[in-house]
C-alpha atoms as a PDB file:
ATOM      1  CA  UNK A   1       0.000   0.000   0.000  1.00  0.00           C
ATOM      2  CA  UNK A   2       1.351   3.432  -0.899  1.00  0.00           C
ATOM      3  CA  UNK A   3       1.527   6.387   1.432  1.00  0.00           C
ATOM      4  CA  UNK A   4      -0.561   9.510   1.031  1.00  0.00           C
ATOM      5  CA  UNK A   5       2.396  11.568  -0.171  1.00  0.00           C
ATOM      6  CA  UNK A   6       3.145   8.971  -2.874  1.00  0.00           C
ATOM      7  CA  UNK A   7      -0.514   9.067  -3.905  1.00  0.00           C
ATOM      8  CA  UNK A   8      -0.407  12.869  -4.106  1.00  0.00           C
ATOM      9  CA  UNK A   9       2.826  12.728  -6.111  1.00  0.00           C
ATOM     10  CA  UNK A  10       1.356  10.191  -8.560  1.00  0.00           C
ATOM     11  CA  UNK A  11      -1.532  12.595  -9.220  1.00  0.00           C
ATOM     12  CA  UNK A  12       0.770  15.578  -9.684  1.00  0.00           C
ATOM     13  CA  UNK A  13      -0.054  17.240  -6.374  1.00  0.00           C
ATOM     14  CA  UNK A  14       3.275  18.440  -5.068  1.00  0.00           C
ATOM     15  CA  UNK A  15       4.297  21.617  -3.281  1.00  0.00           C
ATOM     16  CA  UNK A  16       6.232  23.909  -5.574  1.00  0.00           C
ATOM     17  CA  UNK A  17       9.940  24.098  -4.832  1.00  0.00           C
ATOM     18  CA  UNK A  18      10.134  27.384  -6.742  1.00  0.00           C
ATOM     19  CA  UNK A  19       7.533  30.136  -6.789  1.00  0.00           C
ATOM     20  CA  UNK A  20       5.971  29.337  -3.426  1.00  0.00           C
ATOM     21  CA  UNK A  21       5.611  31.984  -0.749  1.00  0.00           C
ATOM     22  CA  UNK A  22       4.976  30.109   2.480  1.00  0.00           C
ATOM     23  CA  UNK A  23       4.972  26.385   1.801  1.00  0.00           C
ATOM     24  CA  UNK A  24       4.334  26.182  -1.920  1.00  0.00           C
ATOM     25  CA  UNK A  25       0.896  24.616  -1.442  1.00  0.00           C
ATOM     26  CA  UNK A  26      -1.097  27.113  -3.524  1.00  0.00           C
ATOM     27  CA  UNK A  27       1.583  27.270  -6.205  1.00  0.00           C
ATOM     28  CA  UNK A  28       1.539  23.459  -6.387  1.00  0.00           C
ATOM     29  CA  UNK A  29      -2.257  23.333  -6.558  1.00  0.00           C
ATOM     30  CA  UNK A  30      -2.246  26.028  -9.216  1.00  0.00           C
ATOM     31  CA  UNK A  31       0.336  24.187 -11.286  1.00  0.00           C
ATOM     32  CA  UNK A  32      -1.806  21.030 -11.063  1.00  0.00           C
ATOM     33  CA  UNK A  33      -4.915  22.794 -12.402  1.00  0.00           C
ATOM     34  CA  UNK A  34      -3.029  25.006 -14.853  1.00  0.00           C
ATOM     35  CA  UNK A  35      -2.979  28.361 -13.048  1.00  0.00           C
ATOM     36  CA  UNK A  36      -0.180  30.740 -12.198  1.00  0.00           C
ATOM     37  CA  UNK A  37       0.602  30.989  -8.458  1.00  0.00           C
ATOM     38  CA  UNK A  38      -1.185  34.302  -7.745  1.00  0.00           C
ATOM     39  CA  UNK A  39      -4.552  33.394  -9.308  1.00  0.00           C
ATOM     40  CA  UNK A  40      -4.288  30.014  -7.541  1.00  0.00           C
ATOM     41  CA  UNK A  41      -3.740  31.765  -4.197  1.00  0.00           C
ATOM     42  CA  UNK A  42      -6.749  33.999  -4.790  1.00  0.00           C
ATOM     43  CA  UNK A  43      -8.915  31.039  -5.790  1.00  0.00           C
ATOM     44  CA  UNK A  44      -7.736  29.067  -2.734  1.00  0.00           C
ATOM     45  CA  UNK A  45      -8.632  31.988  -0.467  1.00  0.00           C
ATOM     46  CA  UNK A  46     -12.072  32.420  -2.064  1.00  0.00           C
ATOM     47  CA  UNK A  47     -12.827  28.699  -1.765  1.00  0.00           C
ATOM     48  CA  UNK A  48     -11.861  28.791   1.914  1.00  0.00           C
ATOM     49  CA  UNK A  49     -14.321  31.651   2.445  1.00  0.00           C
ATOM     50  CA  UNK A  50     -17.147  29.654   0.869  1.00  0.00           C
ATOM     51  CA  UNK A  51     -16.509  26.242   2.477  1.00  0.00           C
ATOM     52  CA  UNK A  52     -17.846  26.051   6.032  1.00  0.00           C
ATOM     53  CA  UNK A  53     -15.594  24.710   8.762  1.00  0.00           C
ATOM     54  CA  UNK A  54     -12.179  25.415  10.143  1.00  0.00           C
ATOM     55  CA  UNK A  55     -10.357  26.976   7.208  1.00  0.00           C
ATOM     56  CA  UNK A  56      -7.208  27.597   9.206  1.00  0.00           C
ATOM     57  CA  UNK A  57      -6.479  23.860   9.265  1.00  0.00           C
ATOM     58  CA  UNK A  58      -6.741  23.237   5.506  1.00  0.00           C
ATOM     59  CA  UNK A  59      -3.453  24.873   4.491  1.00  0.00           C
ATOM     60  CA  UNK A  60      -1.285  23.250   7.209  1.00  0.00           C
ATOM     61  CA  UNK A  61      -2.836  19.840   6.506  1.00  0.00           C
ATOM     62  CA  UNK A  62      -2.084  20.191   2.798  1.00  0.00           C
ATOM     63  CA  UNK A  63       1.417  21.431   3.676  1.00  0.00           C
ATOM     64  CA  UNK A  64       2.031  18.231   5.657  1.00  0.00           C
ATOM     65  CA  UNK A  65       0.408  15.829   3.190  1.00  0.00           C
ATOM     66  CA  UNK A  66       1.707  17.219  -0.108  1.00  0.00           C
ATOM     67  CA  UNK A  67       5.285  16.167  -0.881  1.00  0.00           C
ATOM     68  CA  UNK A  68       7.757  18.855  -1.883  1.00  0.00           C
ATOM     69  CA  UNK A  69       8.561  18.952  -5.562  1.00  0.00           C
ATOM     70  CA  UNK A  70      12.143  18.319  -6.546  1.00  0.00           C
ATOM     71  CA  UNK A  71      13.826  21.621  -7.471  1.00  0.00           C
ATOM     72  CA  UNK A  72      14.887  21.853 -11.052  1.00  0.00           C
ATOM     73  CA  UNK A  73      18.541  21.099 -11.536  1.00  0.00           C
ATOM     74  CA  UNK A  74      20.563  24.027 -12.871  1.00  0.00           C
ATOM     75  CA  UNK A  75      21.867  23.264 -16.288  1.00  0.00           C
ATOM     76  CA  UNK A  76      25.569  23.537 -16.916  1.00  0.00           C
ATOM     77  CA  UNK A  77      26.507  26.235 -19.391  1.00  0.00           C
ATOM     78  CA  UNK A  78      27.390  24.849 -22.755  1.00  0.00           C
ATOM     79  CA  UNK A  79      30.683  25.730 -24.333  1.00  0.00           C
ATOM     80  CA  UNK A  80      30.324  27.801 -27.463  1.00  0.00           C
ATOM     81  CA  UNK A  81      33.049  28.025 -30.027  1.00  0.00           C
ATOM     82  CA  UNK A  82      34.288  31.514 -30.745  1.00  0.00           C
ATOM     83  CA  UNK A  83      34.525  32.320 -34.418  1.00  0.00           C
ATOM     84  CA  UNK A  84      38.058  32.480 -35.695  1.00  0.00           C
ATOM     85  CA  UNK A  85      39.163  35.112 -38.134  1.00  0.00           C
END
């Protein structure tokens, strides 16, 4: 049986390693549904206003359950040949 974080990762739900402000949760959710981080944050906030219950627990729970995305590896600069005269 797989863990919850592996299940989230298999569905593309990972916290963003780059572009996140606090934990990368909203940026990761936005990336999953095809939004930039700021519209995703706004949508997340608006959904939390509409859903009844304890909204303050949703973000920390997602922060714990969503695995962190692997940061992109910096690419090594390629050598370019200088033109000879």
